[in-house]
Amino acid sequence: MGIVDDESMKVFQIELIESLIDNQLFDEALPFLERMMKKYTDPHFIYLRGKVYYLTGKFKQTIEELTSVIAMDSDFWRAYELLGETYRSTNKTELAETYYFKATSLNPQAIQSWLGRGKVAILRGEPQIAVLCFETYLRNKKKDSDVWRLLASSYKKLDNHTSAIDAYNEAIEIDPTNQLLYEELGDLYQQIGREDLAQQKYLQGLQVEEITRPIKKELYHKLARLYLSKGENQKAFNLCNELLVLMKNDPEATFLSGKALIRLGQRYEGITRLKRAIEKDPQSEYKEFLKDVDRELFSPR
């Protein structure tokens, strides 16, 4: 009876320490762990101390703790997983992959290791492996919009545009106020020549802004450029002016609105804006366009 009670108490102590760590109460967790490690010879407590070190950026101590865990219990898959995370955090991708692989070999449901393996594959330029790893992760954790985005990006690198679009749409369904998702999906549609759908996604991203209130200037820029490419110069001007109300000194909006004004026949006002944009950001595109306008103005007719 006493053995059962002691084991139950140990499990309770582990859960309590895990709760402290989850709530980032590391100063409380460490002394608690020290006491438990004097009382119990259980690698789980050493693992938890390693986890605290990992979460506080003490990677050398993390590796020492987790290596000792594996020496005590070579099947402790969580230690391999956290070692993978530690080595990936220190850009040692080969070691990270080794430990992630060991974790998934011991436990195919080690989803953080599948995610880590996917991220390592991206760093190595192996999108096909990344796809397999992210899909495995998402079978267990379907509501992670960040990983759907990583999956979409991996499909995009494989030129599998249909699957990339599907993955972006899954991410948007989970996180419908994430402007970056609309922007990247719009970029993909533009890449495959579907400017109508790109425009739709950029507009949806701007509508999200009304809910979340961040200013994602890139959406304004890309949509304005689309309008200009279609000859919808007044729409481009109005959109850039809307951004300039929110971000007065944005050079890209200043340049694009100037370009729109020139096409609308308001040359003086347009050139004034072009020069203002060049003062803020002397990009070669801005300078070349102003030179073209000047050449057109002064060329013999």
C-alpha atoms as a PDB file:
ATOM      1  CA  MET A   1       0.000   0.000   0.000  1.00  0.00           C
ATOM      2  CA  GLY A   2       2.834   2.373   0.897  1.00  0.00           C
ATOM      3  CA  ILE A   3       4.561   1.723  -2.466  1.00  0.00           C
ATOM      4  CA  VAL A   4       1.368   2.555  -4.361  1.00  0.00           C
ATOM      5  CA  ASP A   5       0.911   5.722  -2.321  1.00  0.00           C
ATOM      6  CA  ASP A   6       4.510   6.776  -2.948  1.00  0.00           C
ATOM      7  CA  GLU A   7       4.161   6.177  -6.674  1.00  0.00           C
ATOM      8  CA  SER A   8       0.935   8.167  -6.761  1.00  0.00           C
ATOM      9  CA  MET A   9       2.652  10.987  -4.884  1.00  0.00           C
ATOM     10  CA  LYS A  10       5.518  10.980  -7.378  1.00  0.00           C
ATOM     11  CA  VAL A  11       3.090  11.266 -10.303  1.00  0.00           C
ATOM     12  CA  PHE A  12       1.354  14.120  -8.508  1.00  0.00           C
ATOM     13  CA  GLN A  13       4.686  15.922  -7.973  1.00  0.00           C
ATOM     14  CA  ILE A  14       5.595  15.519 -11.644  1.00  0.00           C
ATOM     15  CA  GLU A  15       2.228  16.967 -12.724  1.00  0.00           C
ATOM     16  CA  LEU A  16       2.662  19.863 -10.312  1.00  0.00           C
ATOM     17  CA  ILE A  17       6.123  20.698 -11.621  1.00  0.00           C
ATOM     18  CA  GLU A  18       4.872  20.445 -15.222  1.00  0.00           C
ATOM     19  CA  SER A  19       2.134  22.931 -14.327  1.00  0.00           C
ATOM     20  CA  LEU A  20       4.728  25.343 -12.904  1.00  0.00           C
ATOM     21  CA  ILE A  21       6.790  25.031 -16.079  1.00  0.00           C
ATOM     22  CA  ASP A  22       3.754  25.493 -18.341  1.00  0.00           C
ATOM     23  CA  ASN A  23       3.000  28.714 -16.463  1.00  0.00           C
ATOM     24  CA  GLN A  24       6.647  29.818 -16.788  1.00  0.00           C
ATOM     25  CA  LEU A  25       7.176  29.787 -13.033  1.00  0.00           C
ATOM     26  CA  PHE A  26      10.746  28.590 -13.455  1.00  0.00           C
ATOM     27  CA  ASP A  27      12.111  30.049 -10.204  1.00  0.00           C
ATOM     28  CA  GLU A  28       9.539  28.001  -8.316  1.00  0.00           C
ATOM     29  CA  ALA A  29      10.018  24.869 -10.442  1.00  0.00           C
ATOM     30  CA  LEU A  30      13.821  24.552 -10.070  1.00  0.00           C
ATOM     31  CA  PRO A  31      14.065  24.309  -6.247  1.00  0.00           C
ATOM     32  CA  PHE A  32      11.054  21.988  -6.274  1.00  0.00           C
ATOM     33  CA  LEU A  33      12.889  19.786  -8.780  1.00  0.00           C
ATOM     34  CA  GLU A  34      16.028  19.773  -6.628  1.00  0.00           C
ATOM     35  CA  ARG A  35      14.051  18.410  -3.680  1.00  0.00           C
ATOM     36  CA  MET A  36      12.334  15.749  -5.768  1.00  0.00           C
ATOM     37  CA  MET A  37      15.622  14.606  -7.324  1.00  0.00           C
ATOM     38  CA  LYS A  38      17.015  13.986  -3.827  1.00  0.00           C
ATOM     39  CA  LYS A  39      13.945  11.942  -2.987  1.00  0.00           C
ATOM     40  CA  TYR A  40      13.438   9.994  -6.252  1.00  0.00           C
ATOM     41  CA  THR A  41      15.851   8.428  -8.745  1.00  0.00           C
ATOM     42  CA  ASP A  42      13.494   9.039 -11.644  1.00  0.00           C
ATOM     43  CA  PRO A  43      14.782  10.403 -14.988  1.00  0.00           C
ATOM     44  CA  HIS A  44      11.547  12.343 -15.454  1.00  0.00           C
ATOM     45  CA  PHE A  45      12.664  14.917 -12.902  1.00  0.00           C
ATOM     46  CA  ILE A  46      16.020  15.325 -14.655  1.00  0.00           C
ATOM     47  CA  TYR A  47      14.148  15.709 -17.958  1.00  0.00           C
ATOM     48  CA  LEU A  48      11.987  18.452 -16.448  1.00  0.00           C
ATOM     49  CA  ARG A  49      15.040  20.297 -15.212  1.00  0.00           C
ATOM     50  CA  GLY A  50      16.461  20.041 -18.720  1.00  0.00           C
ATOM     51  CA  LYS A  51      13.177  21.464 -20.037  1.00  0.00           C
ATOM     52  CA  VAL A  52      13.471  24.453 -17.691  1.00  0.00           C
ATOM     53  CA  TYR A  53      17.022  25.037 -18.915  1.00  0.00           C
ATOM     54  CA  TYR A  54      15.825  24.809 -22.526  1.00  0.00           C
ATOM     55  CA  LEU A  55      13.001  27.293 -21.981  1.00  0.00           C
ATOM     56  CA  THR A  56      15.383  29.742 -20.297  1.00  0.00           C
ATOM     57  CA  GLY A  57      17.948  29.494 -23.113  1.00  0.00           C
ATOM     58  CA  LYS A  58      20.585  27.525 -21.183  1.00  0.00           C
ATOM     59  CA  PHE A  59      21.268  25.068 -23.977  1.00  0.00           C
ATOM     60  CA  LYS A  60      24.560  23.636 -22.685  1.00  0.00           C
ATOM     61  CA  GLN A  61      22.910  22.654 -19.399  1.00  0.00           C
ATOM     62  CA  THR A  62      19.911  21.325 -21.335  1.00  0.00           C
ATOM     63  CA  ILE A  63      22.111  18.954 -23.325  1.00  0.00           C
ATOM     64  CA  GLU A  64      23.890  17.748 -20.179  1.00  0.00           C
ATOM     65  CA  GLU A  65      20.614  16.999 -18.403  1.00  0.00           C
ATOM     66  CA  LEU A  66      18.970  15.240 -21.324  1.00  0.00           C
ATOM     67  CA  THR A  67      22.054  13.186 -22.108  1.00  0.00           C
ATOM     68  CA  SER A  68      21.982  11.893 -18.536  1.00  0.00           C
ATOM     69  CA  VAL A  69      18.282  11.050 -18.928  1.00  0.00           C
ATOM     70  CA  ILE A  70      19.050   8.918 -21.991  1.00  0.00           C
ATOM     71  CA  ALA A  71      21.889   7.217 -20.113  1.00  0.00           C
ATOM     72  CA  MET A  72      19.368   6.203 -17.440  1.00  0.00           C
ATOM     73  CA  ASP A  73      16.548   5.300 -19.849  1.00  0.00           C
ATOM     74  CA  SER A  74      17.397   4.851 -23.527  1.00  0.00           C
ATOM     75  CA  ASP A  75      13.689   4.692 -24.439  1.00  0.00           C
ATOM     76  CA  PHE A  76      12.824   8.105 -22.970  1.00  0.00           C
ATOM     77  CA  TRP A  77      11.585   9.566 -26.265  1.00  0.00           C
ATOM     78  CA  ARG A  78      10.769  13.001 -24.868  1.00  0.00           C
ATOM     79  CA  ALA A  79      14.457  13.514 -24.039  1.00  0.00           C
ATOM     80  CA  TYR A  80      15.404  12.793 -27.681  1.00  0.00           C
ATOM     81  CA  GLU A  81      12.694  15.183 -28.869  1.00  0.00           C
ATOM     82  CA  LEU A  82      13.865  18.005 -26.636  1.00  0.00           C
ATOM     83  CA  LEU A  83      17.468  17.394 -27.662  1.00  0.00           C
ATOM     84  CA  GLY A  84      16.295  17.777 -31.266  1.00  0.00           C
ATOM     85  CA  GLU A  85      14.665  21.090 -30.365  1.00  0.00           C
ATOM     86  CA  THR A  86      17.805  22.224 -28.565  1.00  0.00           C
ATOM     87  CA  TYR A  87      20.126  21.404 -31.446  1.00  0.00           C
ATOM     88  CA  ARG A  88      17.772  23.023 -33.968  1.00  0.00           C
ATOM     89  CA  SER A  89      17.730  26.158 -31.791  1.00  0.00           C
ATOM     90  CA  THR A  90      21.521  26.244 -32.011  1.00  0.00           C
ATOM     91  CA  ASN A  91      21.522  25.630 -35.807  1.00  0.00           C
ATOM     92  CA  LYS A  92      22.999  22.117 -35.532  1.00  0.00           C
ATOM     93  CA  THR A  93      20.530  20.630 -37.963  1.00  0.00           C
ATOM     94  CA  GLU A  94      22.192  17.246 -38.478  1.00  0.00           C
ATOM     95  CA  LEU A  95      22.182  16.513 -34.749  1.00  0.00           C
ATOM     96  CA  ALA A  96      18.638  17.847 -34.503  1.00  0.00           C
ATOM     97  CA  GLU A  97      17.478  15.488 -37.262  1.00  0.00           C
ATOM     98  CA  THR A  98      19.207  12.541 -35.560  1.00  0.00           C
ATOM     99  CA  TYR A  99      17.417  13.087 -32.269  1.00  0.00           C
ATOM    100  CA  TYR A 100      14.060  13.891 -33.873  1.00  0.00           C
ATOM    101  CA  PHE A 101      14.327  10.666 -35.866  1.00  0.00           C
ATOM    102  CA  LYS A 102      15.103   8.671 -32.724  1.00  0.00           C
ATOM    103  CA  ALA A 103      12.084  10.216 -30.959  1.00  0.00           C
ATOM    104  CA  THR A 104       9.694   9.313 -33.800  1.00  0.00           C
ATOM    105  CA  SER A 105      11.185   5.810 -33.990  1.00  0.00           C
ATOM    106  CA  LEU A 106      10.388   5.269 -30.322  1.00  0.00           C
ATOM    107  CA  ASN A 107       7.020   6.999 -30.536  1.00  0.00           C
ATOM    108  CA  PRO A 108       5.380   7.653 -33.940  1.00  0.00           C
ATOM    109  CA  GLN A 109       3.019  10.064 -32.126  1.00  0.00           C
ATOM    110  CA  ALA A 110       5.911  12.375 -31.130  1.00  0.00           C
ATOM    111  CA  ILE A 111       4.326  15.191 -33.101  1.00  0.00           C
ATOM    112  CA  GLN A 112       6.744  17.920 -32.018  1.00  0.00           C
ATOM    113  CA  SER A 113       9.528  15.817 -33.512  1.00  0.00           C
ATOM    114  CA  TRP A 114       7.651  15.522 -36.812  1.00  0.00           C
ATOM    115  CA  LEU A 115       7.253  19.301 -36.808  1.00  0.00           C
ATOM    116  CA  GLY A 116      10.951  19.745 -36.018  1.00  0.00           C
ATOM    117  CA  ARG A 117      11.937  17.327 -38.776  1.00  0.00           C
ATOM    118  CA  GLY A 118       9.831  19.339 -41.212  1.00  0.00           C
ATOM    119  CA  LYS A 119      11.492  22.599 -40.199  1.00  0.00           C
ATOM    120  CA  VAL A 120      14.934  21.028 -40.534  1.00  0.00           C
ATOM    121  CA  ALA A 121      13.969  19.763 -44.000  1.00  0.00           C
ATOM    122  CA  ILE A 122      13.030  23.321 -45.012  1.00  0.00           C
ATOM    123  CA  LEU A 123      16.437  24.571 -43.847  1.00  0.00           C
ATOM    124  CA  ARG A 124      18.095  21.846 -45.909  1.00  0.00           C
ATOM    125  CA  GLY A 125      16.062  22.653 -49.005  1.00  0.00           C
ATOM    126  CA  GLU A 126      14.145  19.351 -48.917  1.00  0.00           C
ATOM    127  CA  PRO A 127      10.486  20.376 -49.435  1.00  0.00           C
ATOM    128  CA  GLN A 128       9.281  16.835 -50.226  1.00  0.00           C
ATOM    129  CA  ILE A 129      10.471  15.582 -46.833  1.00  0.00           C
ATOM    130  CA  ALA A 130       9.030  18.703 -45.202  1.00  0.00           C
ATOM    131  CA  VAL A 131       5.619  17.920 -46.729  1.00  0.00           C
ATOM    132  CA  LEU A 132       5.639  14.375 -45.353  1.00  0.00           C
ATOM    133  CA  CYS A 133       6.623  15.567 -41.874  1.00  0.00           C
ATOM    134  CA  PHE A 134       4.086  18.401 -41.730  1.00  0.00           C
ATOM    135  CA  GLU A 135       1.290  16.144 -42.986  1.00  0.00           C
ATOM    136  CA  THR A 136       2.127  13.609 -40.263  1.00  0.00           C
ATOM    137  CA  TYR A 137       2.049  16.368 -37.654  1.00  0.00           C
ATOM    138  CA  LEU A 138      -1.285  17.713 -38.929  1.00  0.00           C
ATOM    139  CA  ARG A 139      -2.921  14.296 -38.777  1.00  0.00           C
ATOM    140  CA  ASN A 140      -2.530  14.585 -35.007  1.00  0.00           C
ATOM    141  CA  LYS A 141      -2.933  18.341 -34.577  1.00  0.00           C
ATOM    142  CA  LYS A 142      -5.242  19.618 -37.300  1.00  0.00           C
ATOM    143  CA  LYS A 143      -5.956  23.079 -35.898  1.00  0.00           C
ATOM    144  CA  ASP A 144      -2.444  24.509 -36.178  1.00  0.00           C
ATOM    145  CA  SER A 145      -2.653  27.275 -38.778  1.00  0.00           C
ATOM    146  CA  ASP A 146       1.092  27.981 -38.613  1.00  0.00           C
ATOM    147  CA  VAL A 147       1.897  24.453 -39.738  1.00  0.00           C
ATOM    148  CA  TRP A 148      -0.715  24.551 -42.507  1.00  0.00           C
ATOM    149  CA  ARG A 149       1.138  27.664 -43.707  1.00  0.00           C
ATOM    150  CA  LEU A 150       4.473  25.816 -43.574  1.00  0.00           C
ATOM    151  CA  LEU A 151       2.877  22.960 -45.527  1.00  0.00           C
ATOM    152  CA  ALA A 152       1.542  25.404 -48.118  1.00  0.00           C
ATOM    153  CA  SER A 153       4.991  26.971 -48.496  1.00  0.00           C
ATOM    154  CA  SER A 154       6.568  23.521 -48.967  1.00  0.00           C
ATOM    155  CA  TYR A 155       4.018  22.575 -51.627  1.00  0.00           C
ATOM    156  CA  LYS A 156       4.693  25.893 -53.351  1.00  0.00           C
ATOM    157  CA  LYS A 157       8.401  25.033 -53.574  1.00  0.00           C
ATOM    158  CA  LEU A 158       7.410  21.760 -55.250  1.00  0.00           C
ATOM    159  CA  ASP A 159       5.218  23.710 -57.733  1.00  0.00           C
ATOM    160  CA  ASN A 160       2.213  21.784 -56.398  1.00  0.00           C
ATOM    161  CA  HIS A 161       0.003  24.858 -56.531  1.00  0.00           C
ATOM    162  CA  THR A 162      -3.309  23.085 -56.004  1.00  0.00           C
ATOM    163  CA  SER A 163      -2.174  21.504 -52.731  1.00  0.00           C
ATOM    164  CA  ALA A 164      -0.567  24.773 -51.632  1.00  0.00           C
ATOM    165  CA  ILE A 165      -3.863  26.619 -52.202  1.00  0.00           C
ATOM    166  CA  ASP A 166      -5.753  23.954 -50.257  1.00  0.00           C
ATOM    167  CA  ALA A 167      -3.290  24.239 -47.352  1.00  0.00           C
ATOM    168  CA  TYR A 168      -3.572  28.040 -47.280  1.00  0.00           C
ATOM    169  CA  ASN A 169      -7.359  27.770 -47.244  1.00  0.00           C
ATOM    170  CA  GLU A 170      -7.183  25.319 -44.327  1.00  0.00           C
ATOM    171  CA  ALA A 171      -4.996  27.805 -42.456  1.00  0.00           C
ATOM    172  CA  ILE A 172      -7.403  30.668 -43.189  1.00  0.00           C
ATOM    173  CA  GLU A 173     -10.357  28.622 -41.966  1.00  0.00           C
ATOM    174  CA  ILE A 174      -8.542  28.109 -38.649  1.00  0.00           C
ATOM    175  CA  ASP A 175      -7.175  31.668 -38.374  1.00  0.00           C
ATOM    176  CA  PRO A 176      -9.421  33.924 -40.481  1.00  0.00           C
ATOM    177  CA  THR A 177      -7.926  37.192 -39.158  1.00  0.00           C
ATOM    178  CA  ASN A 178      -4.334  36.369 -40.146  1.00  0.00           C
ATOM    179  CA  GLN A 179      -3.497  38.877 -42.881  1.00  0.00           C
ATOM    180  CA  LEU A 180      -0.250  37.132 -43.808  1.00  0.00           C
ATOM    181  CA  LEU A 181      -2.198  34.086 -45.017  1.00  0.00           C
ATOM    182  CA  TYR A 182      -4.320  36.179 -47.395  1.00  0.00           C
ATOM    183  CA  GLU A 183      -1.221  37.965 -48.633  1.00  0.00           C
ATOM    184  CA  GLU A 184       0.731  34.773 -49.339  1.00  0.00           C
ATOM    185  CA  LEU A 185      -2.255  33.117 -51.002  1.00  0.00           C
ATOM    186  CA  GLY A 186      -2.698  36.252 -53.115  1.00  0.00           C
ATOM    187  CA  ASP A 187       0.988  36.095 -54.059  1.00  0.00           C
ATOM    188  CA  LEU A 188       0.556  32.478 -55.131  1.00  0.00           C
ATOM    189  CA  TYR A 189      -2.460  33.292 -57.286  1.00  0.00           C
ATOM    190  CA  GLN A 190      -0.496  36.118 -58.881  1.00  0.00           C
ATOM    191  CA  GLN A 191       2.426  33.750 -59.500  1.00  0.00           C
ATOM    192  CA  ILE A 192       0.185  31.346 -61.451  1.00  0.00           C
ATOM    193  CA  GLY A 193      -1.428  34.142 -63.437  1.00  0.00           C
ATOM    194  CA  ARG A 194      -4.744  34.361 -61.581  1.00  0.00           C
ATOM    195  CA  GLU A 195      -4.673  38.088 -60.897  1.00  0.00           C
ATOM    196  CA  ASP A 196      -8.427  38.147 -60.347  1.00  0.00           C
ATOM    197  CA  LEU A 197      -8.120  35.745 -57.415  1.00  0.00           C
ATOM    198  CA  ALA A 198      -4.979  37.494 -56.162  1.00  0.00           C
ATOM    199  CA  GLN A 199      -6.927  40.763 -56.055  1.00  0.00           C
ATOM    200  CA  GLN A 200      -9.737  39.017 -54.170  1.00  0.00           C
ATOM    201  CA  LYS A 201      -7.342  37.673 -51.515  1.00  0.00           C
ATOM    202  CA  TYR A 202      -5.569  41.004 -51.045  1.00  0.00           C
ATOM    203  CA  LEU A 203      -8.955  42.684 -50.604  1.00  0.00           C
ATOM    204  CA  GLN A 204      -9.988  40.051 -48.059  1.00  0.00           C
ATOM    205  CA  GLY A 205      -6.753  40.739 -46.198  1.00  0.00           C
ATOM    206  CA  LEU A 206      -7.583  44.430 -46.038  1.00  0.00           C
ATOM    207  CA  GLN A 207     -11.090  43.645 -44.820  1.00  0.00           C
ATOM    208  CA  VAL A 208      -9.548  41.615 -42.004  1.00  0.00           C
ATOM    209  CA  GLU A 209      -7.664  44.768 -41.037  1.00  0.00           C
ATOM    210  CA  GLU A 210     -10.976  46.359 -40.158  1.00  0.00           C
ATOM    211  CA  ILE A 211     -11.358  43.666 -37.494  1.00  0.00           C
ATOM    212  CA  THR A 212      -7.818  43.370 -36.181  1.00  0.00           C
ATOM    213  CA  ARG A 213      -6.569  46.934 -36.846  1.00  0.00           C
ATOM    214  CA  PRO A 214      -2.943  46.228 -37.704  1.00  0.00           C
ATOM    215  CA  ILE A 215      -1.672  48.023 -40.793  1.00  0.00           C
ATOM    216  CA  LYS A 216      -0.178  45.548 -43.244  1.00  0.00           C
ATOM    217  CA  LYS A 217       1.155  47.937 -45.829  1.00  0.00           C
ATOM    218  CA  GLU A 218       2.299  45.148 -48.169  1.00  0.00           C
ATOM    219  CA  LEU A 219      -1.334  44.270 -48.924  1.00  0.00           C
ATOM    220  CA  TYR A 220      -2.017  47.862 -49.987  1.00  0.00           C
ATOM    221  CA  HIS A 221       1.119  47.911 -52.149  1.00  0.00           C
ATOM    222  CA  LYS A 222       0.374  44.645 -53.937  1.00  0.00           C
ATOM    223  CA  LEU A 223      -3.261  45.461 -54.547  1.00  0.00           C
ATOM    224  CA  ALA A 224      -2.371  48.961 -55.825  1.00  0.00           C
ATOM    225  CA  ARG A 225       0.149  47.460 -58.247  1.00  0.00           C
ATOM    226  CA  LEU A 226      -2.507  45.044 -59.474  1.00  0.00           C
ATOM    227  CA  TYR A 227      -4.910  47.926 -60.061  1.00  0.00           C
ATOM    228  CA  LEU A 228      -2.216  49.825 -61.992  1.00  0.00           C
ATOM    229  CA  SER A 229      -1.418  46.777 -64.130  1.00  0.00           C
ATOM    230  CA  LYS A 230      -5.119  46.581 -65.078  1.00  0.00           C
ATOM    231  CA  GLY A 231      -5.348  50.304 -65.810  1.00  0.00           C
ATOM    232  CA  GLU A 232      -7.584  50.940 -62.798  1.00  0.00           C
ATOM    233  CA  ASN A 233      -5.623  54.044 -61.877  1.00  0.00           C
ATOM    234  CA  GLN A 234      -8.268  55.774 -59.766  1.00  0.00           C
ATOM    235  CA  LYS A 235      -8.661  52.661 -57.598  1.00  0.00           C
ATOM    236  CA  ALA A 236      -4.885  52.485 -57.170  1.00  0.00           C
ATOM    237  CA  PHE A 237      -4.739  56.161 -56.191  1.00  0.00           C
ATOM    238  CA  ASN A 238      -7.608  55.869 -53.717  1.00  0.00           C
ATOM    239  CA  LEU A 239      -6.077  52.776 -52.098  1.00  0.00           C
ATOM    240  CA  CYS A 240      -2.654  54.416 -51.719  1.00  0.00           C
ATOM    241  CA  ASN A 241      -4.230  57.535 -50.262  1.00  0.00           C
ATOM    242  CA  GLU A 242      -6.055  55.362 -47.739  1.00  0.00           C
ATOM    243  CA  LEU A 243      -2.715  53.893 -46.653  1.00  0.00           C
ATOM    244  CA  LEU A 244      -1.081  57.335 -46.543  1.00  0.00           C
ATOM    245  CA  VAL A 245      -3.714  58.452 -44.057  1.00  0.00           C
ATOM    246  CA  LEU A 246      -2.613  55.564 -41.835  1.00  0.00           C
ATOM    247  CA  MET A 247       1.110  55.725 -42.636  1.00  0.00           C
ATOM    248  CA  LYS A 248       1.906  59.247 -43.748  1.00  0.00           C
ATOM    249  CA  ASN A 249       5.495  58.666 -44.856  1.00  0.00           C
ATOM    250  CA  ASP A 250       5.186  55.350 -46.665  1.00  0.00           C
ATOM    251  CA  PRO A 251       7.410  55.742 -49.776  1.00  0.00           C
ATOM    252  CA  GLU A 252       5.849  52.894 -51.786  1.00  0.00           C
ATOM    253  CA  ALA A 253       2.332  54.300 -51.418  1.00  0.00           C
ATOM    254  CA  THR A 254       3.676  57.761 -52.271  1.00  0.00           C
ATOM    255  CA  PHE A 255       5.336  56.422 -55.427  1.00  0.00           C
ATOM    256  CA  LEU A 256       2.370  54.337 -56.574  1.00  0.00           C
ATOM    257  CA  SER A 257      -0.094  57.164 -55.966  1.00  0.00           C
ATOM    258  CA  GLY A 258       2.187  59.483 -57.962  1.00  0.00           C
ATOM    259  CA  LYS A 259       2.275  56.974 -60.795  1.00  0.00           C
ATOM    260  CA  ALA A 260      -1.515  56.754 -60.717  1.00  0.00           C
ATOM    261  CA  LEU A 261      -1.864  60.561 -60.800  1.00  0.00           C
ATOM    262  CA  ILE A 262       0.370  60.810 -63.873  1.00  0.00           C
ATOM    263  CA  ARG A 263      -1.744  58.218 -65.652  1.00  0.00           C
ATOM    264  CA  LEU A 264      -4.841  60.155 -64.631  1.00  0.00           C
ATOM    265  CA  GLY A 265      -3.400  63.219 -66.374  1.00  0.00           C
ATOM    266  CA  GLN A 266      -2.340  65.058 -63.200  1.00  0.00           C
ATOM    267  CA  ARG A 267       1.328  65.200 -64.146  1.00  0.00           C
ATOM    268  CA  TYR A 268       2.538  67.961 -61.819  1.00  0.00           C
ATOM    269  CA  GLU A 269       0.964  66.433 -58.709  1.00  0.00           C
ATOM    270  CA  GLY A 270       2.205  63.005 -59.748  1.00  0.00           C
ATOM    271  CA  ILE A 271       5.805  64.135 -60.279  1.00  0.00           C
ATOM    272  CA  THR A 272       5.730  65.898 -56.909  1.00  0.00           C
ATOM    273  CA  ARG A 273       4.804  62.610 -55.258  1.00  0.00           C
ATOM    274  CA  LEU A 274       7.453  60.701 -57.189  1.00  0.00           C
ATOM    275  CA  LYS A 275      10.150  63.090 -55.989  1.00  0.00           C
ATOM    276  CA  ARG A 276       8.865  62.838 -52.426  1.00  0.00           C
ATOM    277  CA  ALA A 277       9.026  59.025 -52.609  1.00  0.00           C
ATOM    278  CA  ILE A 278      12.633  59.182 -53.911  1.00  0.00           C
ATOM    279  CA  GLU A 279      13.614  61.493 -51.041  1.00  0.00           C
ATOM    280  CA  LYS A 280      12.307  58.929 -48.551  1.00  0.00           C
ATOM    281  CA  ASP A 281      13.609  55.835 -50.353  1.00  0.00           C
ATOM    282  CA  PRO A 282      15.839  56.320 -53.428  1.00  0.00           C
ATOM    283  CA  GLN A 283      14.928  53.027 -55.077  1.00  0.00           C
ATOM    284  CA  SER A 284      16.112  52.499 -58.653  1.00  0.00           C
ATOM    285  CA  GLU A 285      12.536  51.715 -59.773  1.00  0.00           C
ATOM    286  CA  TYR A 286      11.342  55.111 -58.536  1.00  0.00           C
ATOM    287  CA  LYS A 287      14.232  56.967 -60.189  1.00  0.00           C
ATOM    288  CA  GLU A 288      13.839  55.144 -63.508  1.00  0.00           C
ATOM    289  CA  PHE A 289      10.121  55.872 -63.664  1.00  0.00           C
ATOM    290  CA  LEU A 290      10.751  59.583 -62.982  1.00  0.00           C
ATOM    291  CA  LYS A 291      13.403  59.634 -65.754  1.00  0.00           C
ATOM    292  CA  ASP A 292      10.915  58.042 -68.155  1.00  0.00           C
ATOM    293  CA  VAL A 293       8.330  60.688 -67.257  1.00  0.00           C
ATOM    294  CA  ASP A 294      10.906  63.455 -67.824  1.00  0.00           C
ATOM    295  CA  ARG A 295      11.992  61.986 -71.170  1.00  0.00           C
ATOM    296  CA  GLU A 296       8.372  61.781 -72.280  1.00  0.00           C
ATOM    297  CA  LEU A 297       7.771  65.361 -71.191  1.00  0.00           C
ATOM    298  CA  PHE A 298      10.788  66.864 -72.957  1.00  0.00           C
ATOM    299  CA  SER A 299      11.077  64.600 -75.990  1.00  0.00           C
ATOM    300  CA  PRO A 300      10.337  66.254 -79.371  1.00  0.00           C
ATOM    301  CA  ARG A 301       6.892  65.635 -80.678  1.00  0.00           C
END
